[in-house]
C-alpha atoms as a PDB file:
ATOM      1  CA  MET A   1      -0.902  88.923 -57.577  1.00  0.00           C
ATOM      2  CA  LYS A   2      -4.530  87.553 -57.657  1.00  0.00           C
ATOM      3  CA  GLU A   3      -2.864  83.766 -58.309  1.00  0.00           C
ATOM      4  CA  ASP A   4      -0.527  84.280 -55.207  1.00  0.00           C
ATOM      5  CA  LEU A   5      -3.591  85.390 -52.942  1.00  0.00           C
ATOM      6  CA  ARG A   6      -5.701  82.455 -54.224  1.00  0.00           C
ATOM      7  CA  ASN A   7      -2.595  80.016 -53.590  1.00  0.00           C
ATOM      8  CA  ASN A   8      -2.310  81.241 -50.194  1.00  0.00           C
ATOM      9  CA  ILE A   9      -5.776  81.118 -49.061  1.00  0.00           C
ATOM     10  CA  GLU A  10      -6.172  77.657 -50.638  1.00  0.00           C
ATOM     11  CA  THR A  11      -3.449  76.220 -48.677  1.00  0.00           C
ATOM     12  CA  MET A  12      -4.114  77.932 -45.491  1.00  0.00           C
ATOM     13  CA  ALA A  13      -7.909  77.165 -45.710  1.00  0.00           C
ATOM     14  CA  PHE A  14      -7.934  73.742 -47.222  1.00  0.00           C
ATOM     15  CA  GLY A  15      -4.406  72.266 -46.013  1.00  0.00           C
ATOM     16  CA  VAL A  16      -6.398  69.690 -44.003  1.00  0.00           C
ATOM     17  CA  CYS A  17      -8.542  68.440 -46.835  1.00  0.00           C
ATOM     18  CA  ALA A  18      -5.066  68.188 -48.989  1.00  0.00           C
ATOM     19  CA  PHE A  19      -3.450  66.299 -46.431  1.00  0.00           C
ATOM     20  CA  LEU A  20      -6.195  63.723 -46.027  1.00  0.00           C
ATOM     21  CA  GLY A  21      -6.252  63.410 -49.882  1.00  0.00           C
ATOM     22  CA  GLU A  22      -2.395  62.601 -50.266  1.00  0.00           C
ATOM     23  CA  LYS A  23      -2.980  60.056 -47.086  1.00  0.00           C
ATOM     24  CA  MET A  24      -5.850  58.235 -48.769  1.00  0.00           C
ATOM     25  CA  GLY A  25      -4.688  59.004 -52.242  1.00  0.00           C
ATOM     26  CA  VAL A  26      -7.667  60.988 -53.107  1.00  0.00           C
ATOM     27  CA  ALA A  27      -7.913  64.318 -54.604  1.00  0.00           C
ATOM     28  CA  ALA A  28      -8.246  67.143 -52.440  1.00  0.00           C
ATOM     29  CA  SER A  29     -11.273  68.498 -54.217  1.00  0.00           C
ATOM     30  CA  ARG A  30     -13.163  65.375 -53.591  1.00  0.00           C
ATOM     31  CA  VAL A  31     -12.155  65.430 -49.782  1.00  0.00           C
ATOM     32  CA  ARG A  32     -13.864  69.033 -49.985  1.00  0.00           C
ATOM     33  CA  MET A  33     -16.912  67.863 -51.336  1.00  0.00           C
ATOM     34  CA  TYR A  34     -17.365  64.852 -49.050  1.00  0.00           C
ATOM     35  CA  PHE A  35     -16.640  67.408 -45.908  1.00  0.00           C
ATOM     36  CA  ILE A  36     -19.589  69.403 -47.709  1.00  0.00           C
ATOM     37  CA  TYR A  37     -22.041  66.699 -48.177  1.00  0.00           C
ATOM     38  CA  VAL A  38     -21.514  64.893 -44.844  1.00  0.00           C
ATOM     39  CA  GLY A  39     -21.778  68.438 -43.244  1.00  0.00           C
ATOM     40  CA  PHE A  40     -25.142  68.915 -44.629  1.00  0.00           C
ATOM     41  CA  LEU A  41     -26.158  65.266 -43.762  1.00  0.00           C
ATOM     42  CA  THR A  42     -25.051  65.655 -39.976  1.00  0.00           C
ATOM     43  CA  PHE A  43     -25.899  69.219 -39.248  1.00  0.00           C
ATOM     44  CA  GLY A  44     -22.253  70.335 -39.362  1.00  0.00           C
ATOM     45  CA  SER A  45     -20.754  67.925 -37.446  1.00  0.00           C
ATOM     46  CA  PRO A  46     -17.783  67.247 -39.488  1.00  0.00           C
ATOM     47  CA  ALA A  47     -16.560  71.006 -38.729  1.00  0.00           C
ATOM     48  CA  ILE A  48     -15.607  70.139 -35.651  1.00  0.00           C
ATOM     49  CA  LEU A  49     -13.624  67.160 -36.700  1.00  0.00           C
ATOM     50  CA  TYR A  50     -12.037  69.431 -39.639  1.00  0.00           C
ATOM     51  CA  PHE A  51     -10.916  72.178 -36.687  1.00  0.00           C
ATOM     52  CA  VAL A  52      -9.234  69.410 -34.854  1.00  0.00           C
ATOM     53  CA  ILE A  53      -7.382  68.370 -37.500  1.00  0.00           C
ATOM     54  CA  ALA A  54      -6.423  71.741 -38.654  1.00  0.00           C
ATOM     55  CA  PHE A  55      -5.198  72.440 -35.261  1.00  0.00           C
ATOM     56  CA  TRP A  56      -3.378  69.064 -35.042  1.00  0.00           C
ATOM     57  CA  LEU A  57      -1.246  70.202 -38.805  1.00  0.00           C
ATOM     58  CA  ASN A  58      -0.824  73.649 -37.221  1.00  0.00           C
ATOM     59  CA  VAL A  59       0.824  72.163 -34.164  1.00  0.00           C
ATOM     60  CA  LYS A  60       2.970  69.508 -36.094  1.00  0.00           C
ATOM     61  CA  ARG A  61       3.992  72.291 -38.435  1.00  0.00           C
ATOM     62  CA  TYR A  62       5.082  74.689 -35.534  1.00  0.00           C
ATOM     63  CA  ILE A  63       7.197  71.627 -33.727  1.00  0.00           C
ATOM     64  CA  GLN A  64       8.818  70.580 -37.144  1.00  0.00           C
ATOM     65  CA  GLN A  65       9.714  74.164 -37.938  1.00  0.00           C
ATOM     66  CA  SER A  66      10.884  74.746 -34.281  1.00  0.00           C
ATOM     67  CA  ALA A  67      13.171  71.593 -34.353  1.00  0.00           C
ATOM     68  CA  LYS A  68      14.680  73.221 -37.499  1.00  0.00           C
ATOM     69  CA  SER A  69      15.610  76.412 -35.920  1.00  0.00           C
ATOM     70  CA  VAL A  70      17.404  74.634 -32.950  1.00  0.00           C
ATOM     71  CA  ARG A  71      21.275  74.541 -33.345  1.00  0.00           C
ATOM     72  CA  TRP A  72      23.446  72.473 -31.413  1.00  0.00           C
ATOM     73  CA  SER A  73      26.710  73.389 -30.557  1.00  0.00           C
END
């Protein structure tokens, strides 16, 4: 149960970092670390970028799921 909770939280919270890591060919943990470092250096401006990407990924996922649920007769 503890592992399931951890996996769900990581998938939902760190989906952006995993997505960016896959696209760039870098480990997701490394992308998270860069977000943290850049966030400290620039006083939080990467957080805005993070939320924009998270919103875009959720919209993309919603569109893909709704397209699968539509049945053509």
